[in-house]
Every structure is written in structure tokens, then in C-alpha cells.
Amino acid sequence: MLNIALVMSCALFLLSSVFFIFKDKASVLIQGYYFISKNQRELYDELKLSKDYGLILFKYGLILLIGALGYIFISKLTLWLAFAIWIIYVVKTIVTFKFDKYKVNKS
């Protein structure tokens, strides 16, 4: 379980760095945003969208990394607790993430 948490956290850090490096060009990697028509995409602030999504992915990786370090230095229960927190945070983000707050024009 420790190896899985470390690999997942590294993968999430790598993916979040893609969002920070490529900025607005990486916005097409966001779930559901690719399927919005190009005319509709012009209404969104893609830079802010990519930045916020990269930050969300960074937080995902940080939760798993803290759990893995807790597994090494404290106890196995720390990793399970971090994994439960990670699942709750992922579900909360999926349910509450809306593109509407990134619209430049509310028309």
C-alpha cells in the first residue's frame, strides 16, 4: 500500500506540474472541459481554470504523500486515514466542481 501511495502522489505532482507549466493550454485535460465547443470555451478564463485544477491535483498528491510519510514514521493507520481523507476530497471535488465560476462573460 505504501508503494501505491508514493507512486500515486508522484503521478499527481507530475500532472499538477503539467497544469502549472502549460497554463491555459492544459485546460483541455480537465474532465468535461474538452467536450465544450470551442466557441463556448472562449467564454472561460482558461488560465485561472488550469491554475485552480493544478492546485487541486497538487493537494491530492500532498494528502497521499503525507499519508505515506506517516506510514513510514508513525503507523500504518496514518496511511489508511490519509487514503480515506483523499477519497472524501476527490468525491467532494467531483461533485462540487463547476465551470460556471470561471466564465468571463455571464451571457
Protein backbone atom coordinates (compact mmCIF):
# COMPACT_ATOMS: atom_id res chain seq x y z
CA MET A 1 0.00 0.00 0.00
CA LEU A 2 2.91 2.32 0.71
CA ASN A 3 4.30 1.94 -2.80
CA ILE A 4 0.91 2.67 -4.32
CA ALA A 5 0.54 5.86 -2.27
CA LEU A 6 4.02 7.04 -3.23
CA VAL A 7 3.51 6.32 -6.93
CA MET A 8 0.08 7.99 -6.93
CA SER A 9 1.40 11.07 -5.16
CA CYS A 10 4.31 11.37 -7.61
CA ALA A 11 1.95 10.96 -10.56
CA LEU A 12 -0.38 13.62 -9.18
CA PHE A 13 2.53 16.01 -8.58
CA LEU A 14 3.70 15.41 -12.15
CA LEU A 15 0.21 16.02 -13.54
CA SER A 16 -0.22 19.18 -11.47
CA SER A 17 3.13 20.46 -12.74
CA VAL A 18 1.82 19.96 -16.31
CA PHE A 19 -1.04 22.32 -15.45
CA PHE A 20 1.33 24.87 -13.91
CA ILE A 21 3.82 24.74 -16.80
CA PHE A 22 1.46 24.75 -19.77
CA LYS A 23 -1.07 27.07 -18.10
CA ASP A 24 -4.12 27.71 -20.32
CA LYS A 25 -3.12 25.12 -22.94
CA ALA A 26 -3.55 22.34 -20.35
CA SER A 27 -7.17 23.22 -19.72
CA VAL A 28 -8.30 20.66 -22.30
CA LEU A 29 -7.04 17.95 -19.91
CA ILE A 30 -9.75 18.83 -17.39
CA GLN A 31 -12.57 16.35 -17.16
CA GLY A 32 -15.55 17.54 -19.20
CA TYR A 33 -13.90 20.72 -20.47
CA TYR A 34 -12.69 19.06 -23.68
CA PHE A 35 -16.27 18.36 -24.74
CA ILE A 36 -17.32 22.01 -24.55
CA SER A 37 -17.39 23.56 -28.02
CA LYS A 38 -14.56 25.93 -28.96
CA ASN A 39 -16.98 28.83 -29.16
CA GLN A 40 -18.10 28.14 -25.60
CA ARG A 41 -14.50 27.76 -24.37
CA GLU A 42 -13.79 31.38 -25.33
CA LEU A 43 -16.17 32.43 -22.55
CA TYR A 44 -13.98 30.87 -19.83
CA ASP A 45 -10.83 32.10 -18.11
CA GLU A 46 -8.64 29.12 -19.02
CA LEU A 47 -5.60 30.40 -17.12
CA LYS A 48 -7.47 30.56 -13.81
CA LEU A 49 -9.18 27.24 -14.55
CA SER A 50 -5.87 25.47 -15.18
CA LYS A 51 -4.24 27.07 -12.15
CA ASP A 52 -7.07 26.01 -9.84
CA TYR A 53 -7.21 22.49 -11.24
CA GLY A 54 -3.44 22.13 -10.92
CA LEU A 55 -3.73 23.22 -7.29
CA ILE A 56 -6.46 20.63 -6.69
CA LEU A 57 -4.23 17.88 -8.13
CA PHE A 58 -1.32 19.12 -6.02
CA LYS A 59 -3.49 18.84 -2.89
CA TYR A 60 -4.46 15.29 -3.87
CA GLY A 61 -0.79 14.34 -4.13
CA LEU A 62 0.08 16.11 -0.89
CA ILE A 63 -2.58 14.19 1.05
CA LEU A 64 -1.22 10.88 -0.23
CA LEU A 65 2.40 11.88 0.39
CA ILE A 66 1.64 12.89 3.99
CA GLY A 67 -0.11 9.56 4.47
CA ALA A 68 2.88 7.66 3.06
CA LEU A 69 5.31 9.55 5.28
CA GLY A 70 3.03 8.93 8.23
CA TYR A 71 3.08 5.23 7.37
CA ILE A 72 6.88 5.25 7.48
CA PHE A 73 7.37 7.35 10.61
CA ILE A 74 4.19 6.92 12.69
CA SER A 75 1.95 3.94 11.93
CA LYS A 76 0.04 2.12 9.22
CA LEU A 77 -3.17 3.74 10.40
CA THR A 78 -1.94 7.11 9.15
CA LEU A 79 -1.90 5.93 5.55
CA TRP A 80 -5.40 4.49 5.80
CA LEU A 81 -6.65 7.72 7.36
CA ALA A 82 -4.99 9.78 4.61
CA PHE A 83 -6.45 7.50 1.96
CA ALA A 84 -9.95 7.95 3.44
CA ILE A 85 -9.47 11.74 3.51
CA TRP A 86 -8.23 11.61 -0.10
CA ILE A 87 -11.31 9.70 -1.26
CA ILE A 88 -13.64 12.14 0.51
CA TYR A 89 -11.81 15.13 -1.01
CA VAL A 90 -11.87 13.62 -4.52
CA VAL A 91 -15.60 12.90 -4.32
CA LYS A 92 -16.29 16.39 -2.93
CA THR A 93 -14.30 17.97 -5.76
CA ILE A 94 -16.02 15.91 -8.44
CA VAL A 95 -19.46 16.77 -7.10
CA THR A 96 -18.88 20.49 -6.48
CA PHE A 97 -16.51 21.48 -9.34
CA LYS A 98 -18.38 23.81 -11.68
CA PHE A 99 -17.11 25.63 -14.75
CA ASP A 100 -19.57 28.49 -14.24
CA LYS A 101 -17.36 30.35 -11.78
CA TYR A 102 -14.65 30.60 -14.46
CA LYS A 103 -16.85 32.36 -17.02
CA VAL A 104 -15.51 35.70 -18.17
CA ASN A 105 -18.85 36.85 -19.60
CA LYS A 106 -22.02 35.70 -17.84
CA SER A 107 -24.03 35.80 -21.09
